[in-house]
Amino acid sequence: MNARERWIKTMTFANPDRIPFEPGGPRESTLARWHKEGLPEGKHYYAHLLETLGIEPQPAGKPVGLGVDFRMIPQFEEKVIEHRDGHYICQDWKGNICEISDQFDLTYLREAKDFVTRRWLRCPVENRNDWLAMKTRYDPDAPGRFPADFVRRCRQAADRDWLLSIHFSGPFWQMREWCGFEGLCFMMVEQPELVDEMAAFWSDFVATMLDRIFQHIAPDMVHISEDMAYKAKAMISPDMVRRFCMPSWGRWSSQARQAGCPVVEIDSDGYVGELIPLWIESGINATDPVEVAAHCDINEFRGRFGRQMAYCGGVDKRCMAKGGSVIADELKRIEPVVRSGGYIPGCDHGVPSDISWPDFVHYGRLLAKITGWL
């Protein structure tokens, strides 16, 4: 069974020969620590982990990226506006004016290289005029939206033994990037018609992009980024979710199903117990990362939602940091859900730097055992 078949069978409650081994990925500061504790410089952490555990790498073809870009085109100019008191005031590629420590540079705002605290001073959409200007950056026909060799890439990916996924932002995530979290929440109360308009625009834009992709290929997973929960509650009410988010989720899920895509997965940090029923209703059948510190209990979720929802993640990173019997007990806690299917266990977010390389290897060995690799 190849990696693609194994992943799909696991996430659709079929019968894989083994469960995918996905312990989680480190950030930059984590790797810096691990290189001091036994991970050789220049060696990929996952390859070295497999070697250390005695697991043979699985043969697979070279993945082909489709090269489709759901982001704004053109992007804003990245620039430092001011440097003072150990901080940069800068504009990121999304048009936000924000503040970060001068220990970092603008690349840390472009991608999740590490855990970086930032403060947003102004977001690009504060009113209707801002919105009218912003929407011009999301033309599906903009040069660079699809690569010139897109059709060739689809043909190359047709007979694959690796997982093909498409990633884009959900309506809450995208509107929050435009308006900022507080700005969006105020708009939902004070200018709901404007939020309706933005949500409908984003729904149409993504649907158009998906139609063009699905004409040529059906991916194995559609992955929607949608962080929308605090430690114990969702960030907006169920009524707001139904109004502003569910129409998009349902539309895109239906497109994916009709194209033959088996998994539509949504990513949200925080406590998602209130959101999962709404996701299921919208046709979403998988979620990650199931953060334990946010009171997400994968055993409880499996009891409540059965096979309507599959999961990735769910292993408490705090237990990984403590190591020893603590992480052993944590994996015993999740093992019933592993055995019942529809679950790829791994770290419940990016692997932080308080987890040592020896403890990560110990955790990896235990995880490899319950997923059938050792």
Protein backbone atom coordinates (compact mmCIF):
# COMPACT_ATOMS: atom_id res chain seq x y z
CA MET A 1 0.00 0.00 0.00
CA ASN A 2 1.49 3.36 -0.98
CA ALA A 3 1.42 6.57 1.05
CA ARG A 4 -1.55 8.01 -0.80
CA GLU A 5 -3.69 4.88 -0.41
CA ARG A 6 -2.71 4.58 3.25
CA TRP A 7 -3.67 8.19 4.02
CA ILE A 8 -7.02 8.04 2.24
CA LYS A 9 -7.97 4.70 3.77
CA THR A 10 -7.13 5.96 7.25
CA MET A 11 -9.06 9.20 6.92
CA THR A 12 -12.11 7.51 5.39
CA PHE A 13 -12.37 4.74 8.02
CA ALA A 14 -11.23 1.99 5.65
CA ASN A 15 -8.56 -0.64 6.41
CA PRO A 16 -5.00 0.63 5.87
CA ASP A 17 -2.06 -1.70 6.38
CA ARG A 18 -0.61 0.92 8.75
CA ILE A 19 -1.54 4.40 9.87
CA PRO A 20 0.53 7.24 8.38
CA PHE A 21 3.46 8.15 10.62
CA GLU A 22 3.12 11.91 11.09
CA PRO A 23 4.66 12.92 14.43
CA GLY A 24 4.57 16.66 13.67
CA GLY A 25 6.94 19.28 12.36
CA PRO A 26 9.34 21.58 14.25
CA ARG A 27 9.74 25.32 13.92
CA GLU A 28 13.05 27.09 13.42
CA SER A 29 13.88 27.46 17.12
CA THR A 30 13.03 23.80 17.71
CA LEU A 31 15.43 22.69 14.99
CA ALA A 32 18.14 24.92 16.44
CA ARG A 33 17.79 23.10 19.74
CA TRP A 34 17.67 19.66 18.15
CA HIS A 35 20.89 20.27 16.24
CA LYS A 36 22.58 20.72 19.62
CA GLU A 37 21.07 17.51 20.96
CA GLY A 38 21.81 14.90 18.31
CA LEU A 39 20.11 15.86 15.05
CA PRO A 40 22.96 16.21 12.53
CA GLU A 41 23.31 19.50 10.69
CA GLY A 42 22.07 19.23 7.14
CA LYS A 43 19.94 16.15 7.90
CA HIS A 44 16.16 16.42 7.65
CA TYR A 45 14.59 15.73 11.02
CA TYR A 46 12.03 13.25 9.65
CA ALA A 47 14.56 11.24 7.65
CA HIS A 48 16.88 11.07 10.66
CA LEU A 49 14.01 10.08 12.93
CA LEU A 50 13.12 7.17 10.63
CA GLU A 51 16.77 6.13 10.51
CA THR A 52 17.08 6.33 14.30
CA LEU A 53 13.94 4.25 14.81
CA GLY A 54 14.90 1.71 12.15
CA ILE A 55 11.93 2.44 9.87
CA GLU A 56 12.52 2.01 6.17
CA PRO A 57 11.46 5.09 4.15
CA GLN A 58 8.49 4.33 1.92
CA PRO A 59 9.23 4.56 -1.80
CA ALA A 60 7.23 7.28 -3.55
CA GLY A 61 7.37 9.37 -6.66
CA LYS A 62 8.36 13.02 -6.54
CA PRO A 63 5.32 15.17 -5.67
CA VAL A 64 4.22 17.67 -8.29
CA GLY A 65 2.79 20.96 -7.04
CA LEU A 66 -0.07 22.39 -9.05
CA GLY A 67 1.29 25.92 -8.57
CA VAL A 68 -2.15 27.51 -8.10
CA ASP A 69 -2.15 30.74 -6.07
CA PHE A 70 -5.24 31.70 -4.02
CA ARG A 71 -3.48 34.70 -2.46
CA MET A 72 -3.81 38.33 -3.45
CA ILE A 73 -2.19 39.42 -6.72
CA PRO A 74 -0.46 41.81 -6.57
CA GLN A 75 0.76 41.58 -3.00
CA PHE A 76 1.59 44.66 -0.96
CA GLU A 77 5.17 45.85 -0.73
CA GLU A 78 6.96 44.40 2.28
CA LYS A 79 8.85 47.16 4.04
CA VAL A 80 10.15 48.37 7.38
CA ILE A 81 8.54 51.70 8.20
CA GLU A 82 10.31 52.41 11.46
CA HIS A 83 12.89 50.80 13.76
CA ARG A 84 12.67 51.81 17.40
CA ASP A 85 13.14 50.42 20.91
CA GLY A 86 14.08 46.95 19.70
CA HIS A 87 11.06 46.64 17.39
CA TYR A 88 10.22 47.03 13.72
CA ILE A 89 7.07 48.77 12.54
CA CYS A 90 6.50 47.23 9.15
CA GLN A 91 4.06 46.54 6.35
CA ASP A 92 3.62 42.88 5.46
CA TRP A 93 2.68 41.39 2.10
CA LYS A 94 -1.02 41.38 3.07
CA GLY A 95 -1.09 45.13 3.76
CA ASN A 96 -1.06 44.97 7.54
CA ILE A 97 0.93 47.50 9.54
CA CYS A 98 2.37 45.54 12.43
CA GLU A 99 5.08 45.49 15.06
CA ILE A 100 7.58 42.69 15.69
CA SER A 101 10.80 42.29 17.64
CA ASP A 102 13.94 43.20 15.72
CA GLN A 103 15.19 39.69 16.52
CA PHE A 104 13.16 38.75 13.44
CA ASP A 105 12.80 40.08 9.92
CA LEU A 106 9.97 40.34 7.40
CA THR A 107 10.30 36.70 6.34
CA TYR A 108 8.77 35.70 9.69
CA LEU A 109 5.59 37.55 8.67
CA ARG A 110 5.52 35.79 5.33
CA GLU A 111 5.52 32.22 6.64
CA ALA A 112 5.22 30.33 9.92
CA LYS A 113 8.95 29.79 10.42
CA ASP A 114 8.72 30.12 14.18
CA PHE A 115 6.51 31.21 17.05
CA VAL A 116 6.68 35.00 16.70
CA THR A 117 4.64 37.49 18.71
CA ARG A 118 3.40 40.43 16.67
CA ARG A 119 1.06 43.35 17.24
CA TRP A 120 -1.25 44.58 14.50
CA LEU A 121 -1.52 48.37 14.34
CA ARG A 122 -3.70 48.69 11.25
CA CYS A 123 -5.30 46.27 8.82
CA PRO A 124 -5.91 46.95 5.14
CA VAL A 125 -9.73 46.87 5.18
CA GLU A 126 -11.38 49.27 7.63
CA ASN A 127 -14.30 50.48 5.51
CA ARG A 128 -16.15 49.89 2.26
CA ASN A 129 -13.70 51.90 0.15
CA ASP A 130 -10.83 49.79 1.48
CA TRP A 131 -12.81 46.69 0.60
CA LEU A 132 -13.50 47.85 -2.96
CA ALA A 133 -9.77 48.36 -3.42
CA MET A 134 -8.88 45.02 -1.83
CA LYS A 135 -11.21 42.92 -3.96
CA THR A 136 -9.39 43.98 -7.13
CA ARG A 137 -6.43 41.90 -5.94
CA TYR A 138 -8.44 38.67 -6.31
CA ASP A 139 -9.02 38.39 -10.03
CA PRO A 140 -9.12 34.67 -10.97
CA ASP A 141 -7.65 35.63 -14.35
CA ALA A 142 -4.69 37.57 -12.92
CA PRO A 143 -1.31 36.60 -14.43
CA GLY A 144 0.36 34.16 -12.05
CA ARG A 145 -2.87 32.76 -10.66
CA PHE A 146 -2.27 29.51 -12.57
CA PRO A 147 1.15 28.49 -13.92
CA ALA A 148 1.60 28.29 -17.67
CA ASP A 149 2.16 24.53 -17.39
CA PHE A 150 -0.81 23.87 -15.10
CA VAL A 151 -2.43 21.27 -17.36
CA ARG A 152 0.89 19.43 -17.73
CA ARG A 153 1.28 19.36 -13.95
CA CYS A 154 -2.19 17.88 -13.60
CA ARG A 155 -1.33 15.15 -16.08
CA GLN A 156 1.87 14.39 -14.15
CA ALA A 157 -0.10 14.14 -10.89
CA ALA A 158 -2.86 11.94 -12.29
CA ASP A 159 -1.15 8.59 -11.63
CA ARG A 160 0.40 9.41 -8.25
CA ASP A 161 1.42 7.43 -5.20
CA TRP A 162 1.68 10.54 -3.01
CA LEU A 163 -1.01 12.75 -1.49
CA LEU A 164 -2.25 15.69 -3.56
CA SER A 165 -3.92 18.47 -1.58
CA ILE A 166 -5.21 21.98 -2.22
CA HIS A 167 -4.95 24.59 0.52
CA PHE A 168 -6.74 27.92 0.84
CA SER A 169 -8.27 30.18 3.48
CA GLY A 170 -11.83 29.86 4.70
CA PRO A 171 -14.14 32.88 4.95
CA PHE A 172 -13.45 33.69 8.60
CA TRP A 173 -9.68 33.39 8.18
CA GLN A 174 -9.64 35.44 4.99
CA MET A 175 -11.90 38.21 6.23
CA ARG A 176 -9.88 38.39 9.45
CA GLU A 177 -6.74 38.88 7.37
CA TRP A 178 -8.41 41.76 5.56
CA CYS A 179 -10.05 43.44 8.54
CA GLY A 180 -8.17 42.19 11.60
CA PHE A 181 -9.85 40.12 14.29
CA GLU A 182 -11.40 42.95 16.28
CA GLY A 183 -12.28 44.89 13.15
CA LEU A 184 -14.06 41.89 11.64
CA CYS A 185 -16.00 41.15 14.83
CA PHE A 186 -17.20 44.77 15.04
CA MET A 187 -18.20 44.64 11.37
CA MET A 188 -20.21 41.46 11.96
CA VAL A 189 -22.29 43.36 14.51
CA GLU A 190 -22.32 46.89 13.08
CA GLN A 191 -22.04 46.27 9.31
CA PRO A 192 -23.23 42.70 8.72
CA GLU A 193 -24.26 43.47 5.13
CA LEU A 194 -20.66 44.41 4.32
CA VAL A 195 -19.47 41.14 5.85
CA ASP A 196 -22.09 39.29 3.80
CA GLU A 197 -20.66 40.94 0.70
CA MET A 198 -17.06 40.02 1.56
CA ALA A 199 -18.01 36.44 2.42
CA ALA A 200 -19.97 36.03 -0.82
CA PHE A 201 -17.08 37.45 -2.84
CA TRP A 202 -14.63 35.02 -1.24
CA SER A 203 -17.03 32.13 -1.77
CA ASP A 204 -17.29 33.00 -5.46
CA PHE A 205 -13.56 33.49 -5.90
CA VAL A 206 -12.63 30.14 -4.34
CA ALA A 207 -15.45 28.33 -6.16
CA THR A 208 -14.18 29.68 -9.48
CA MET A 209 -10.65 28.55 -8.67
CA LEU A 210 -11.85 25.09 -7.64
CA ASP A 211 -13.91 24.70 -10.81
CA ARG A 212 -10.84 25.41 -12.93
CA ILE A 213 -8.74 22.94 -10.93
CA PHE A 214 -11.38 20.20 -10.88
CA GLN A 215 -11.75 20.36 -14.67
CA HIS A 216 -8.32 18.75 -14.84
CA ILE A 217 -7.75 16.84 -11.60
CA ALA A 218 -9.40 15.76 -8.36
CA PRO A 219 -7.10 16.16 -5.34
CA ASP A 220 -7.10 13.75 -2.44
CA MET A 221 -7.77 16.51 0.07
CA VAL A 222 -9.11 20.04 0.12
CA HIS A 223 -7.68 21.76 3.19
CA ILE A 224 -9.31 24.93 4.53
CA SER A 225 -7.44 27.18 6.99
CA GLU A 226 -10.00 28.59 9.41
CA ASP A 227 -8.61 29.39 12.88
CA MET A 228 -11.75 30.50 14.70
CA ALA A 229 -11.69 29.28 18.29
CA TYR A 230 -10.30 30.42 21.63
CA LYS A 231 -9.07 28.10 24.35
CA ALA A 232 -12.59 27.16 25.43
CA LYS A 233 -15.05 28.74 22.99
CA ALA A 234 -15.51 29.58 19.34
CA MET A 235 -14.62 33.17 18.39
CA ILE A 236 -18.05 33.94 16.95
CA SER A 237 -21.55 32.68 17.74
CA PRO A 238 -23.20 29.74 15.97
CA ASP A 239 -25.61 32.18 14.31
CA MET A 240 -22.69 34.17 12.91
CA VAL A 241 -21.03 30.97 11.72
CA ARG A 242 -24.21 29.98 9.91
CA ARG A 243 -24.58 33.36 8.28
CA PHE A 244 -21.03 34.23 7.33
CA CYS A 245 -19.19 30.89 6.95
CA MET A 246 -21.41 27.90 6.31
CA PRO A 247 -22.59 28.92 2.82
CA SER A 248 -18.96 28.89 1.62
CA TRP A 249 -18.05 25.65 3.38
CA GLY A 250 -21.10 23.85 2.02
CA ARG A 251 -20.54 25.11 -1.51
CA TRP A 252 -16.87 24.15 -1.64
CA SER A 253 -17.47 20.76 0.01
CA SER A 254 -20.12 19.97 -2.57
CA GLN A 255 -17.73 20.91 -5.38
CA ALA A 256 -15.04 18.67 -3.92
CA ARG A 257 -17.38 15.70 -3.55
CA GLN A 258 -18.68 16.06 -7.09
CA ALA A 259 -15.10 16.13 -8.35
CA GLY A 260 -14.25 12.92 -6.48
CA CYS A 261 -12.17 14.38 -3.66
CA PRO A 262 -12.62 12.10 -0.60
CA VAL A 263 -11.50 14.43 2.22
CA VAL A 264 -12.40 18.03 3.00
CA GLU A 265 -10.40 19.02 6.06
CA ILE A 266 -10.63 22.19 8.10
CA ASP A 267 -7.87 23.53 10.33
CA SER A 268 -8.69 25.48 13.46
CA ASP A 269 -6.73 25.94 16.64
CA GLY A 270 -8.60 26.23 19.93
CA TYR A 271 -11.65 24.41 21.25
CA VAL A 272 -13.63 23.19 18.24
CA GLY A 273 -16.32 21.14 20.00
CA GLU A 274 -18.95 23.78 19.20
CA LEU A 275 -17.85 24.01 15.58
CA ILE A 276 -17.59 20.35 14.60
CA PRO A 277 -21.40 19.87 14.28
CA LEU A 278 -21.55 22.90 11.97
CA TRP A 279 -18.64 21.58 9.93
CA ILE A 280 -20.30 18.18 9.57
CA GLU A 281 -23.50 19.89 8.45
CA SER A 282 -21.43 21.76 5.85
CA GLY A 283 -19.96 18.56 4.38
CA ILE A 284 -16.55 18.74 6.05
CA ASN A 285 -15.30 15.34 7.18
CA ALA A 286 -11.89 15.98 8.81
CA THR A 287 -10.23 18.47 11.13
CA ASP A 288 -6.88 19.29 12.71
CA PRO A 289 -4.92 19.91 14.96
CA VAL A 290 -7.25 19.01 17.93
CA GLU A 291 -5.39 21.03 20.59
CA VAL A 292 -5.48 19.33 23.97
CA ALA A 293 -4.56 22.49 25.91
CA ALA A 294 -7.74 24.04 24.47
CA HIS A 295 -9.85 21.27 26.06
CA CYS A 296 -10.20 19.25 22.84
CA ASP A 297 -10.63 15.60 23.84
CA ILE A 298 -10.43 13.31 20.85
CA ASN A 299 -12.03 10.46 22.79
CA GLU A 300 -15.01 12.67 23.59
CA PHE A 301 -15.23 13.87 19.99
CA ARG A 302 -15.24 10.31 18.66
CA GLY A 303 -18.00 9.44 21.11
CA ARG A 304 -20.09 12.44 20.07
CA PHE A 305 -19.53 12.47 16.32
CA GLY A 306 -18.59 8.90 15.45
CA ARG A 307 -17.45 8.39 11.87
CA GLN A 308 -18.79 11.70 10.67
CA MET A 309 -15.45 13.35 11.47
CA ALA A 310 -11.84 12.23 11.05
CA TYR A 311 -8.88 13.85 12.79
CA CYS A 312 -5.19 14.67 12.49
CA GLY A 313 -3.09 15.72 15.49
CA GLY A 314 -4.50 15.41 19.00
CA VAL A 315 -1.27 14.50 20.87
CA ASP A 316 -0.59 16.96 23.70
CA LYS A 317 2.65 18.83 23.00
CA ARG A 318 3.02 19.53 26.74
CA CYS A 319 3.23 15.78 27.38
CA MET A 320 5.84 15.47 24.65
CA ALA A 321 7.95 18.05 26.46
CA LYS A 322 7.71 16.12 29.74
CA GLY A 323 8.66 12.88 28.02
CA GLY A 324 9.05 9.53 29.77
CA SER A 325 5.93 8.00 31.26
CA VAL A 326 3.95 11.21 30.68
CA ILE A 327 4.04 10.93 26.90
CA ALA A 328 3.55 7.15 27.16
CA ASP A 329 0.33 7.77 29.11
CA GLU A 330 -0.76 10.37 26.58
CA LEU A 331 -0.46 7.90 23.71
CA LYS A 332 -2.35 5.29 25.73
CA ARG A 333 -5.10 7.91 26.15
CA ILE A 334 -5.56 8.37 22.40
CA GLU A 335 -5.00 4.74 21.40
CA PRO A 336 -8.72 3.79 21.38
CA VAL A 337 -9.37 6.43 18.72
CA VAL A 338 -6.32 5.30 16.73
CA ARG A 339 -7.73 1.76 16.76
CA SER A 340 -11.20 2.88 15.71
CA GLY A 341 -9.94 4.51 12.50
CA GLY A 342 -10.32 7.93 10.96
CA TYR A 343 -7.40 9.33 12.90
CA ILE A 344 -3.77 10.15 12.12
CA PRO A 345 -2.17 10.96 15.49
CA GLY A 346 0.53 13.61 15.79
CA CYS A 347 1.52 16.77 17.63
CA ASP A 348 -1.45 19.05 18.20
CA HIS A 349 0.30 22.01 16.51
CA GLY A 350 3.83 22.93 15.47
CA VAL A 351 6.43 21.17 17.65
CA PRO A 352 7.74 23.86 20.07
CA SER A 353 11.31 24.29 21.28
CA ASP A 354 10.65 23.03 24.81
CA ILE A 355 10.60 19.50 23.33
CA SER A 356 14.10 18.00 23.26
CA TRP A 357 15.37 15.79 20.46
CA PRO A 358 15.72 12.74 22.77
CA ASP A 359 12.12 13.22 23.97
CA PHE A 360 10.92 13.64 20.38
CA VAL A 361 12.65 10.39 19.41
CA HIS A 362 11.10 8.63 22.42
CA TYR A 363 7.68 9.95 21.46
CA GLY A 364 8.29 8.96 17.84
CA ARG A 365 9.13 5.40 18.87
CA LEU A 366 5.91 5.09 20.88
CA LEU A 367 3.88 6.63 18.05
CA ALA A 368 5.45 4.27 15.51
CA LYS A 369 4.36 1.33 17.63
CA ILE A 370 0.69 2.30 17.88
CA THR A 371 0.53 3.18 14.19
CA GLY A 372 2.03 -0.14 13.09
CA TRP A 373 5.53 0.88 11.97
CA LEU A 374 7.45 -0.90 14.75
